[in-house]
Amino acid sequence: MTNLDAAGSIPPSIRVELAHAAVCNLARRAGVDLLVVKGPGMDPLVGFKGRASADVDVLVRPDEVGRFLDLVKAHGWWARDRFETGSPFGHSTTLFHPTWGDLDVHRLIPGIGVDPSVAFDVFWASRIDVTLGGQPCPHPQPAAQALVLVLHAARSEGSPRAGQDVVHAWTDAPSEQQAAILALVDRLDAHVAWAAGTGDLEAFRGDSSYRLWAVASRGGGRLEEWRARVEAERSWRAKAMIALRAPLVNTDHLAMLLGHRPTRTEVLVEFVDRFRRGAVEMARRGKGRP
């Protein structure tokens, strides 16, 4: 029996909990600081009853990310994508293990404006341990868990589960919990993304990141997304780098769609098709104008 066959015979909820235990145990033994974000260890105030998890999400101390990636790769995980190709925010990379499944490694939380190292220190200072699979797994404290969950909902394009997350973790939260969350929003400069997650984004229409969070929270075409990414960058150099990358094929994403690493021909076909889709999007936008 292969590892994959064995994993398939384990109930998903048990596999996910054991996967958390395995990751946390590896990190602790190697002296890597990480925090589990989301998942089965969330406080009942944050995760609604019956909320299922399919993978492991961890936030790693920024200057230890490289060492942690080397660590998990040495223990059987392999990368599905890279930080640069995983999302418009460049915040995480996904690795897969034939027994434990997907592991999302975050180097930052999208929407938090302070330096990622500062944000990690804030979360780490008030961390709590939650036992998963018999192992202590460090988590942010409940208010920080709620902040991370709502910021994740803000880039989920209005998915039903994201809506449930916001209602449970924020709207229905006790007043003391809400006050603690808002204090973190202020401390970590997460105002725009928080507004996107809680339905008040229009209050930040003049912000340079407004358009990016509008696309992330409501959806939009690829041209709209790339324009938003350019606008959100603060330096001209960063804006230029984003603009130059826009026409290129995301080979990691294409590999996931195809189920194998794309050939040169498949990359070329996708490259040409990107321009076709872009032309169609521009035509539709043109017709939609008054």
C-alpha atoms as a PDB file:
ATOM      1  CA  MET A   1       0.000   0.000   0.000  1.00  0.00           C
ATOM      2  CA  THR A   2       1.368   3.449  -0.930  1.00  0.00           C
ATOM      3  CA  ASN A   3       1.371   6.452   1.383  1.00  0.00           C
ATOM      4  CA  LEU A   4      -1.364   7.987  -0.726  1.00  0.00           C
ATOM      5  CA  ASP A   5      -3.503   4.845  -0.453  1.00  0.00           C
ATOM      6  CA  ALA A   6      -2.976   4.760   3.299  1.00  0.00           C
ATOM      7  CA  ALA A   7      -3.877   8.439   3.663  1.00  0.00           C
ATOM      8  CA  GLY A   8      -7.040   7.853   1.671  1.00  0.00           C
ATOM      9  CA  SER A   9      -8.219   5.285   4.216  1.00  0.00           C
ATOM     10  CA  ILE A  10      -7.963   7.782   7.103  1.00  0.00           C
ATOM     11  CA  PRO A  11     -10.966  10.054   7.787  1.00  0.00           C
ATOM     12  CA  PRO A  12     -10.079  13.539   6.449  1.00  0.00           C
ATOM     13  CA  SER A  13     -10.557  15.262   9.802  1.00  0.00           C
ATOM     14  CA  ILE A  14      -8.154  12.826  11.487  1.00  0.00           C
ATOM     15  CA  ARG A  15      -5.587  13.114   8.692  1.00  0.00           C
ATOM     16  CA  VAL A  16      -5.659  16.918   8.902  1.00  0.00           C
ATOM     17  CA  GLU A  17      -5.209  16.901  12.676  1.00  0.00           C
ATOM     18  CA  LEU A  18      -2.291  14.475  12.420  1.00  0.00           C
ATOM     19  CA  ALA A  19      -0.791  16.585   9.637  1.00  0.00           C
ATOM     20  CA  HIS A  20      -0.854  19.606  11.954  1.00  0.00           C
ATOM     21  CA  ALA A  21       0.863  17.528  14.634  1.00  0.00           C
ATOM     22  CA  ALA A  22       3.559  16.386  12.201  1.00  0.00           C
ATOM     23  CA  VAL A  23       4.309  19.909  10.966  1.00  0.00           C
ATOM     24  CA  CYS A  24       4.384  21.437  14.452  1.00  0.00           C
ATOM     25  CA  ASN A  25       6.583  18.636  15.762  1.00  0.00           C
ATOM     26  CA  LEU A  26       9.087  19.102  12.930  1.00  0.00           C
ATOM     27  CA  ALA A  27       9.231  22.858  13.485  1.00  0.00           C
ATOM     28  CA  ARG A  28       9.645  22.556  17.242  1.00  0.00           C
ATOM     29  CA  ARG A  29      12.466  20.021  16.943  1.00  0.00           C
ATOM     30  CA  ALA A  30      14.252  22.259  14.418  1.00  0.00           C
ATOM     31  CA  GLY A  31      13.769  25.435  16.465  1.00  0.00           C
ATOM     32  CA  VAL A  32      11.587  27.125  13.838  1.00  0.00           C
ATOM     33  CA  ASP A  33       8.924  29.531  15.087  1.00  0.00           C
ATOM     34  CA  LEU A  34       5.567  29.114  13.385  1.00  0.00           C
ATOM     35  CA  LEU A  35       1.903  29.703  14.139  1.00  0.00           C
ATOM     36  CA  VAL A  36      -1.010  27.656  12.881  1.00  0.00           C
ATOM     37  CA  VAL A  37      -3.537  29.962  11.231  1.00  0.00           C
ATOM     38  CA  LYS A  38      -7.053  28.611  10.629  1.00  0.00           C
ATOM     39  CA  GLY A  39      -7.727  24.887  10.870  1.00  0.00           C
ATOM     40  CA  PRO A  40      -9.186  22.578  13.529  1.00  0.00           C
ATOM     41  CA  GLY A  41      -7.398  24.315  16.406  1.00  0.00           C
ATOM     42  CA  MET A  42      -9.274  27.602  16.042  1.00  0.00           C
ATOM     43  CA  ASP A  43     -11.086  28.902  19.091  1.00  0.00           C
ATOM     44  CA  PRO A  44     -14.871  28.224  19.066  1.00  0.00           C
ATOM     45  CA  LEU A  45     -15.377  32.002  19.076  1.00  0.00           C
ATOM     46  CA  VAL A  46     -13.608  32.130  15.707  1.00  0.00           C
ATOM     47  CA  GLY A  47     -14.315  28.930  13.757  1.00  0.00           C
ATOM     48  CA  PHE A  48     -17.976  28.033  13.376  1.00  0.00           C
ATOM     49  CA  LYS A  49     -19.142  24.561  14.383  1.00  0.00           C
ATOM     50  CA  GLY A  50     -18.626  22.033  11.598  1.00  0.00           C
ATOM     51  CA  ARG A  51     -16.087  24.159   9.715  1.00  0.00           C
ATOM     52  CA  ALA A  52     -13.938  21.585   7.925  1.00  0.00           C
ATOM     53  CA  SER A  53     -10.256  21.966   7.077  1.00  0.00           C
ATOM     54  CA  ALA A  54      -8.472  20.214   4.237  1.00  0.00           C
ATOM     55  CA  ASP A  55      -4.883  21.375   4.724  1.00  0.00           C
ATOM     56  CA  VAL A  56      -2.382  22.890   7.138  1.00  0.00           C
ATOM     57  CA  ASP A  57      -1.877  26.668   7.124  1.00  0.00           C
ATOM     58  CA  VAL A  58       1.104  28.071   8.995  1.00  0.00           C
ATOM     59  CA  LEU A  59       2.653  31.509   9.364  1.00  0.00           C
ATOM     60  CA  VAL A  60       6.425  31.193   9.755  1.00  0.00           C
ATOM     61  CA  ARG A  61       8.753  33.755  11.287  1.00  0.00           C
ATOM     62  CA  PRO A  62       9.900  35.590   8.130  1.00  0.00           C
ATOM     63  CA  ASP A  63      13.647  35.104   8.569  1.00  0.00           C
ATOM     64  CA  GLU A  64      13.120  31.370   9.153  1.00  0.00           C
ATOM     65  CA  VAL A  65      10.953  30.655   6.095  1.00  0.00           C
ATOM     66  CA  GLY A  66      13.809  29.369   3.934  1.00  0.00           C
ATOM     67  CA  ARG A  67      15.037  27.014   6.639  1.00  0.00           C
ATOM     68  CA  PHE A  68      11.518  25.723   7.254  1.00  0.00           C
ATOM     69  CA  LEU A  69      10.954  25.031   3.553  1.00  0.00           C
ATOM     70  CA  ASP A  70      14.217  23.086   3.398  1.00  0.00           C
ATOM     71  CA  LEU A  71      13.120  21.170   6.494  1.00  0.00           C
ATOM     72  CA  VAL A  72       9.753  20.020   5.190  1.00  0.00           C
ATOM     73  CA  LYS A  73      11.154  19.209   1.752  1.00  0.00           C
ATOM     74  CA  ALA A  74      13.687  16.954   3.457  1.00  0.00           C
ATOM     75  CA  HIS A  75      10.736  15.139   5.062  1.00  0.00           C
ATOM     76  CA  GLY A  76       8.764  14.402   1.909  1.00  0.00           C
ATOM     77  CA  TRP A  77       6.888  17.585   0.987  1.00  0.00           C
ATOM     78  CA  TRP A  78       7.327  19.019  -2.506  1.00  0.00           C
ATOM     79  CA  ALA A  79       6.389  22.462  -3.789  1.00  0.00           C
ATOM     80  CA  ARG A  80       3.299  22.951  -5.930  1.00  0.00           C
ATOM     81  CA  ASP A  81       4.093  26.614  -6.570  1.00  0.00           C
ATOM     82  CA  ARG A  82       6.281  29.507  -5.447  1.00  0.00           C
ATOM     83  CA  PHE A  83       5.605  32.658  -3.464  1.00  0.00           C
ATOM     84  CA  GLU A  84       5.809  34.675  -6.676  1.00  0.00           C
ATOM     85  CA  THR A  85       3.205  32.555  -8.463  1.00  0.00           C
ATOM     86  CA  GLY A  86       0.900  31.401  -5.670  1.00  0.00           C
ATOM     87  CA  SER A  87      -1.289  34.510  -5.421  1.00  0.00           C
ATOM     88  CA  PRO A  88      -1.432  38.216  -6.337  1.00  0.00           C
ATOM     89  CA  PHE A  89      -0.123  38.963  -2.840  1.00  0.00           C
ATOM     90  CA  GLY A  90       2.929  36.683  -3.014  1.00  0.00           C
ATOM     91  CA  HIS A  91       2.238  35.641   0.546  1.00  0.00           C
ATOM     92  CA  SER A  92       2.350  31.843   0.545  1.00  0.00           C
ATOM     93  CA  THR A  93       3.606  28.720  -1.148  1.00  0.00           C
ATOM     94  CA  THR A  94       1.848  25.356  -1.161  1.00  0.00           C
ATOM     95  CA  LEU A  95       3.662  22.063  -0.633  1.00  0.00           C
ATOM     96  CA  PHE A  96       2.231  18.551  -0.901  1.00  0.00           C
ATOM     97  CA  HIS A  97       2.988  15.375   1.038  1.00  0.00           C
ATOM     98  CA  PRO A  98       1.627  11.981  -0.116  1.00  0.00           C
ATOM     99  CA  THR A  99       0.481  11.169   3.428  1.00  0.00           C
ATOM    100  CA  TRP A 100      -0.262  14.545   5.015  1.00  0.00           C
ATOM    101  CA  GLY A 101      -1.628  16.439   2.024  1.00  0.00           C
ATOM    102  CA  ASP A 102      -1.231  20.170   1.403  1.00  0.00           C
ATOM    103  CA  LEU A 103       0.797  22.547   3.554  1.00  0.00           C
ATOM    104  CA  ASP A 104       0.387  26.288   2.963  1.00  0.00           C
ATOM    105  CA  VAL A 105       3.424  28.175   4.228  1.00  0.00           C
ATOM    106  CA  HIS A 106       2.773  31.885   4.773  1.00  0.00           C
ATOM    107  CA  ARG A 107       5.557  34.435   5.021  1.00  0.00           C
ATOM    108  CA  LEU A 108       3.051  37.226   5.653  1.00  0.00           C
ATOM    109  CA  ILE A 109      -0.676  37.830   6.045  1.00  0.00           C
ATOM    110  CA  PRO A 110      -2.129  39.836   3.118  1.00  0.00           C
ATOM    111  CA  GLY A 111      -3.763  43.032   4.293  1.00  0.00           C
ATOM    112  CA  ILE A 112      -1.478  43.694   7.256  1.00  0.00           C
ATOM    113  CA  GLY A 113       0.427  46.901   6.624  1.00  0.00           C
ATOM    114  CA  VAL A 114       3.230  46.705   9.174  1.00  0.00           C
ATOM    115  CA  ASP A 115       6.440  44.816   8.421  1.00  0.00           C
ATOM    116  CA  PRO A 116       5.843  41.027   8.386  1.00  0.00           C
ATOM    117  CA  SER A 117       8.448  40.518  11.119  1.00  0.00           C
ATOM    118  CA  VAL A 118       6.681  43.029  13.358  1.00  0.00           C
ATOM    119  CA  ALA A 119       3.316  41.379  12.716  1.00  0.00           C
ATOM    120  CA  PHE A 120       4.728  37.951  13.516  1.00  0.00           C
ATOM    121  CA  ASP A 121       6.193  39.237  16.780  1.00  0.00           C
ATOM    122  CA  VAL A 122       2.805  40.654  17.784  1.00  0.00           C
ATOM    123  CA  PHE A 123       1.085  37.329  17.115  1.00  0.00           C
ATOM    124  CA  TRP A 124       3.897  35.305  18.686  1.00  0.00           C
ATOM    125  CA  ALA A 125       3.974  37.303  21.921  1.00  0.00           C
ATOM    126  CA  SER A 126       0.384  36.327  22.770  1.00  0.00           C
ATOM    127  CA  ARG A 127       0.368  32.842  21.230  1.00  0.00           C
ATOM    128  CA  ILE A 128      -1.457  29.912  22.772  1.00  0.00           C
ATOM    129  CA  ASP A 129      -0.799  26.181  22.423  1.00  0.00           C
ATOM    130  CA  VAL A 130      -3.586  23.938  21.136  1.00  0.00           C
ATOM    131  CA  THR A 131      -3.125  20.167  21.276  1.00  0.00           C
ATOM    132  CA  LEU A 132      -3.654  18.535  17.880  1.00  0.00           C
ATOM    133  CA  GLY A 133      -2.809  14.893  17.269  1.00  0.00           C
ATOM    134  CA  GLY A 134      -1.157  14.747  20.672  1.00  0.00           C
ATOM    135  CA  GLN A 135       1.253  17.588  19.876  1.00  0.00           C
ATOM    136  CA  PRO A 136       1.254  21.208  21.128  1.00  0.00           C
ATOM    137  CA  CYS A 137       0.612  23.478  18.144  1.00  0.00           C
ATOM    138  CA  PRO A 138       1.140  27.236  18.624  1.00  0.00           C
ATOM    139  CA  HIS A 139      -1.764  29.429  17.454  1.00  0.00           C
ATOM    140  CA  PRO A 140      -2.422  33.170  17.588  1.00  0.00           C
ATOM    141  CA  GLN A 141      -4.731  34.169  20.430  1.00  0.00           C
ATOM    142  CA  PRO A 142      -8.480  34.250  19.531  1.00  0.00           C
ATOM    143  CA  ALA A 143      -8.707  37.922  18.514  1.00  0.00           C
ATOM    144  CA  ALA A 144      -5.709  37.480  16.215  1.00  0.00           C
ATOM    145  CA  GLN A 145      -7.238  34.277  14.827  1.00  0.00           C
ATOM    146  CA  ALA A 146     -10.379  36.236  13.975  1.00  0.00           C
ATOM    147  CA  LEU A 147      -8.385  38.989  12.291  1.00  0.00           C
ATOM    148  CA  VAL A 148      -6.524  36.484  10.112  1.00  0.00           C
ATOM    149  CA  LEU A 149      -9.765  34.694   9.217  1.00  0.00           C
ATOM    150  CA  VAL A 150     -11.581  37.879   8.183  1.00  0.00           C
ATOM    151  CA  LEU A 151      -8.580  39.073   6.162  1.00  0.00           C
ATOM    152  CA  HIS A 152      -8.641  35.707   4.402  1.00  0.00           C
ATOM    153  CA  ALA A 153     -12.358  36.153   3.713  1.00  0.00           C
ATOM    154  CA  ALA A 154     -11.551  39.553   2.208  1.00  0.00           C
ATOM    155  CA  ARG A 155      -9.735  37.849  -0.676  1.00  0.00           C
ATOM    156  CA  SER A 156     -12.201  34.992  -1.181  1.00  0.00           C
ATOM    157  CA  GLU A 157     -14.356  36.715  -3.821  1.00  0.00           C
ATOM    158  CA  GLY A 158     -17.504  36.462  -1.738  1.00  0.00           C
ATOM    159  CA  SER A 159     -17.487  32.682  -1.196  1.00  0.00           C
ATOM    160  CA  PRO A 160     -20.337  31.392   1.021  1.00  0.00           C
ATOM    161  CA  ARG A 161     -17.934  29.924   3.576  1.00  0.00           C
ATOM    162  CA  ALA A 162     -16.037  33.197   3.784  1.00  0.00           C
ATOM    163  CA  GLY A 163     -19.338  34.890   4.531  1.00  0.00           C
ATOM    164  CA  GLN A 164     -20.004  32.407   7.329  1.00  0.00           C
ATOM    165  CA  ASP A 165     -16.526  33.021   8.701  1.00  0.00           C
ATOM    166  CA  VAL A 166     -17.102  36.779   8.901  1.00  0.00           C
ATOM    167  CA  VAL A 167     -20.502  36.422  10.554  1.00  0.00           C
ATOM    168  CA  HIS A 168     -19.254  33.985  13.191  1.00  0.00           C
ATOM    169  CA  ALA A 169     -15.811  35.463  13.872  1.00  0.00           C
ATOM    170  CA  TRP A 170     -16.822  39.120  13.720  1.00  0.00           C
ATOM    171  CA  THR A 171     -20.515  40.008  13.418  1.00  0.00           C
ATOM    172  CA  ASP A 172     -21.719  37.616  16.128  1.00  0.00           C
ATOM    173  CA  ALA A 173     -18.636  37.948  18.339  1.00  0.00           C
ATOM    174  CA  PRO A 174     -19.014  39.324  21.887  1.00  0.00           C
ATOM    175  CA  SER A 175     -18.293  43.032  22.255  1.00  0.00           C
ATOM    176  CA  GLU A 176     -15.072  42.348  24.187  1.00  0.00           C
ATOM    177  CA  GLN A 177     -13.796  40.156  21.361  1.00  0.00           C
ATOM    178  CA  GLN A 178     -14.734  42.764  18.758  1.00  0.00           C
ATOM    179  CA  ALA A 179     -12.851  45.442  20.684  1.00  0.00           C
ATOM    180  CA  ALA A 180      -9.754  43.229  20.850  1.00  0.00           C
ATOM    181  CA  ILE A 181      -9.948  42.550  17.108  1.00  0.00           C
ATOM    182  CA  LEU A 182     -10.276  46.237  16.225  1.00  0.00           C
ATOM    183  CA  ALA A 183      -7.301  47.034  18.441  1.00  0.00           C
ATOM    184  CA  LEU A 184      -5.249  44.607  16.331  1.00  0.00           C
ATOM    185  CA  VAL A 185      -6.576  46.142  13.105  1.00  0.00           C
ATOM    186  CA  ASP A 186      -5.200  49.478  14.305  1.00  0.00           C
ATOM    187  CA  ARG A 187      -1.938  48.086  15.655  1.00  0.00           C
ATOM    188  CA  LEU A 188      -1.156  46.114  12.497  1.00  0.00           C
ATOM    189  CA  ASP A 189      -2.461  48.721  10.015  1.00  0.00           C
ATOM    190  CA  ALA A 190      -4.973  46.334   8.459  1.00  0.00           C
ATOM    191  CA  HIS A 191      -7.734  48.873   7.833  1.00  0.00           C
ATOM    192  CA  VAL A 192      -8.268  48.513   4.070  1.00  0.00           C
ATOM    193  CA  ALA A 193      -8.310  44.719   3.980  1.00  0.00           C
ATOM    194  CA  TRP A 194     -10.460  44.624   7.110  1.00  0.00           C
ATOM    195  CA  ALA A 195     -12.954  46.935   5.423  1.00  0.00           C
ATOM    196  CA  ALA A 196     -12.959  44.650   2.370  1.00  0.00           C
ATOM    197  CA  GLY A 197     -13.758  41.679   4.586  1.00  0.00           C
ATOM    198  CA  THR A 198     -16.492  43.409   6.555  1.00  0.00           C
ATOM    199  CA  GLY A 199     -18.254  45.211   3.707  1.00  0.00           C
ATOM    200  CA  ASP A 200     -16.959  48.761   4.175  1.00  0.00           C
ATOM    201  CA  LEU A 201     -14.337  48.948   1.420  1.00  0.00           C
ATOM    202  CA  GLU A 202     -15.897  52.010  -0.235  1.00  0.00           C
ATOM    203  CA  ALA A 203     -14.676  54.076   2.694  1.00  0.00           C
ATOM    204  CA  PHE A 204     -11.162  53.545   1.303  1.00  0.00           C
ATOM    205  CA  ARG A 205     -11.812  54.298  -2.371  1.00  0.00           C
ATOM    206  CA  GLY A 206      -8.942  56.781  -2.426  1.00  0.00           C
ATOM    207  CA  ASP A 207      -6.376  54.285  -1.129  1.00  0.00           C
ATOM    208  CA  SER A 208      -3.813  52.885  -3.580  1.00  0.00           C
ATOM    209  CA  SER A 209      -4.738  49.318  -2.594  1.00  0.00           C
ATOM    210  CA  TYR A 210      -8.487  49.874  -2.962  1.00  0.00           C
ATOM    211  CA  ARG A 211      -8.733  48.384  -6.448  1.00  0.00           C
ATOM    212  CA  LEU A 212      -6.705  45.295  -5.502  1.00  0.00           C
ATOM    213  CA  TRP A 213      -8.957  44.546  -2.540  1.00  0.00           C
ATOM    214  CA  ALA A 214     -12.023  45.238  -4.648  1.00  0.00           C
ATOM    215  CA  VAL A 215     -10.919  42.558  -7.116  1.00  0.00           C
ATOM    216  CA  ALA A 216      -9.892  40.178  -4.323  1.00  0.00           C
ATOM    217  CA  SER A 217     -13.175  40.513  -2.450  1.00  0.00           C
ATOM    218  CA  ARG A 218     -15.629  40.833  -5.347  1.00  0.00           C
ATOM    219  CA  GLY A 219     -13.887  39.187  -8.280  1.00  0.00           C
ATOM    220  CA  GLY A 220     -12.754  40.610 -11.603  1.00  0.00           C
ATOM    221  CA  GLY A 221     -10.922  39.871 -14.838  1.00  0.00           C
ATOM    222  CA  ARG A 222      -7.209  39.237 -15.215  1.00  0.00           C
ATOM    223  CA  LEU A 223      -6.530  42.665 -16.732  1.00  0.00           C
ATOM    224  CA  GLU A 224      -8.348  44.292 -13.846  1.00  0.00           C
ATOM    225  CA  GLU A 225      -6.311  42.263 -11.361  1.00  0.00           C
ATOM    226  CA  TRP A 226      -2.957  43.166 -12.911  1.00  0.00           C
ATOM    227  CA  ARG A 227      -3.880  46.851 -13.108  1.00  0.00           C
ATOM    228  CA  ALA A 228      -4.841  46.709  -9.443  1.00  0.00           C
ATOM    229  CA  ARG A 229      -1.569  45.017  -8.519  1.00  0.00           C
ATOM    230  CA  VAL A 230       0.437  47.734 -10.261  1.00  0.00           C
ATOM    231  CA  GLU A 231      -1.539  50.481  -8.510  1.00  0.00           C
ATOM    232  CA  ALA A 232      -1.061  48.861  -5.103  1.00  0.00           C
ATOM    233  CA  GLU A 233       2.745  48.848  -5.317  1.00  0.00           C
ATOM    234  CA  ARG A 234       4.410  51.850  -3.706  1.00  0.00           C
ATOM    235  CA  SER A 235       7.667  52.129  -5.684  1.00  0.00           C
ATOM    236  CA  TRP A 236       8.021  52.679  -9.417  1.00  0.00           C
ATOM    237  CA  ARG A 237      10.480  49.793  -9.587  1.00  0.00           C
ATOM    238  CA  ALA A 238       7.946  47.401  -8.050  1.00  0.00           C
ATOM    239  CA  LYS A 239       5.231  48.703 -10.366  1.00  0.00           C
ATOM    240  CA  ALA A 240       7.475  48.068 -13.373  1.00  0.00           C
ATOM    241  CA  MET A 241       8.311  44.538 -12.222  1.00  0.00           C
ATOM    242  CA  ILE A 242       4.628  43.671 -11.860  1.00  0.00           C
ATOM    243  CA  ALA A 243       3.813  45.142 -15.279  1.00  0.00           C
ATOM    244  CA  LEU A 244       6.615  43.158 -16.939  1.00  0.00           C
ATOM    245  CA  ARG A 245       5.404  39.909 -15.360  1.00  0.00           C
ATOM    246  CA  ALA A 246       1.786  40.414 -16.396  1.00  0.00           C
ATOM    247  CA  PRO A 247       2.023  38.839 -19.892  1.00  0.00           C
ATOM    248  CA  LEU A 248       4.051  35.846 -18.702  1.00  0.00           C
ATOM    249  CA  VAL A 249       2.508  32.421 -18.181  1.00  0.00           C
ATOM    250  CA  ASN A 250       2.221  31.209 -14.597  1.00  0.00           C
ATOM    251  CA  THR A 251       3.714  27.784 -15.250  1.00  0.00           C
ATOM    252  CA  ASP A 252       3.016  26.596 -11.692  1.00  0.00           C
ATOM    253  CA  HIS A 253      -0.693  27.302 -12.070  1.00  0.00           C
ATOM    254  CA  LEU A 254      -0.708  25.777 -15.549  1.00  0.00           C
ATOM    255  CA  ALA A 255       0.925  22.624 -14.171  1.00  0.00           C
ATOM    256  CA  MET A 256      -1.861  22.256 -11.604  1.00  0.00           C
ATOM    257  CA  LEU A 257      -4.485  22.626 -14.333  1.00  0.00           C
ATOM    258  CA  LEU A 258      -2.779  20.105 -16.624  1.00  0.00           C
ATOM    259  CA  GLY A 259      -1.706  17.642 -13.946  1.00  0.00           C
ATOM    260  CA  HIS A 260       1.917  17.731 -15.164  1.00  0.00           C
ATOM    261  CA  ARG A 261       4.696  20.206 -15.841  1.00  0.00           C
ATOM    262  CA  PRO A 262       3.772  21.979 -19.082  1.00  0.00           C
ATOM    263  CA  THR A 263       5.758  21.449 -22.245  1.00  0.00           C
ATOM    264  CA  ARG A 264       7.132  24.374 -24.240  1.00  0.00           C
ATOM    265  CA  THR A 265       4.276  23.963 -26.684  1.00  0.00           C
ATOM    266  CA  GLU A 266       1.685  24.064 -23.900  1.00  0.00           C
ATOM    267  CA  VAL A 267       3.288  27.195 -22.451  1.00  0.00           C
ATOM    268  CA  LEU A 268       3.252  28.847 -25.885  1.00  0.00           C
ATOM    269  CA  VAL A 269      -0.409  27.946 -26.408  1.00  0.00           C
ATOM    270  CA  GLU A 270      -1.279  29.418 -23.002  1.00  0.00           C
ATOM    271  CA  PHE A 271       0.777  32.545 -23.753  1.00  0.00           C
ATOM    272  CA  VAL A 272      -1.166  33.192 -26.958  1.00  0.00           C
ATOM    273  CA  ASP A 273      -4.466  32.400 -25.254  1.00  0.00           C
ATOM    274  CA  ARG A 274      -3.735  34.960 -22.522  1.00  0.00           C
ATOM    275  CA  PHE A 275      -3.752  37.695 -25.153  1.00  0.00           C
ATOM    276  CA  ARG A 276      -6.969  36.323 -26.644  1.00  0.00           C
ATOM    277  CA  ARG A 277      -8.674  36.339 -23.243  1.00  0.00           C
ATOM    278  CA  GLY A 278      -7.333  39.812 -22.556  1.00  0.00           C
ATOM    279  CA  ALA A 279      -8.784  41.108 -25.819  1.00  0.00           C
ATOM    280  CA  VAL A 280     -12.146  39.540 -24.995  1.00  0.00           C
ATOM    281  CA  GLU A 281     -12.099  41.121 -21.527  1.00  0.00           C
ATOM    282  CA  MET A 282     -11.278  44.543 -22.962  1.00  0.00           C
ATOM    283  CA  ALA A 283     -14.073  44.207 -25.521  1.00  0.00           C
ATOM    284  CA  ARG A 284     -16.579  43.299 -22.818  1.00  0.00           C
ATOM    285  CA  ARG A 285     -15.478  46.206 -20.665  1.00  0.00           C
ATOM    286  CA  GLY A 286     -15.828  48.507 -23.645  1.00  0.00           C
ATOM    287  CA  LYS A 287     -19.379  47.368 -24.287  1.00  0.00           C
ATOM    288  CA  GLY A 288     -20.228  47.850 -20.642  1.00  0.00           C
ATOM    289  CA  ARG A 289     -19.268  51.500 -20.660  1.00  0.00           C
ATOM    290  CA  PRO A 290     -22.063  54.080 -20.911  1.00  0.00           C
END
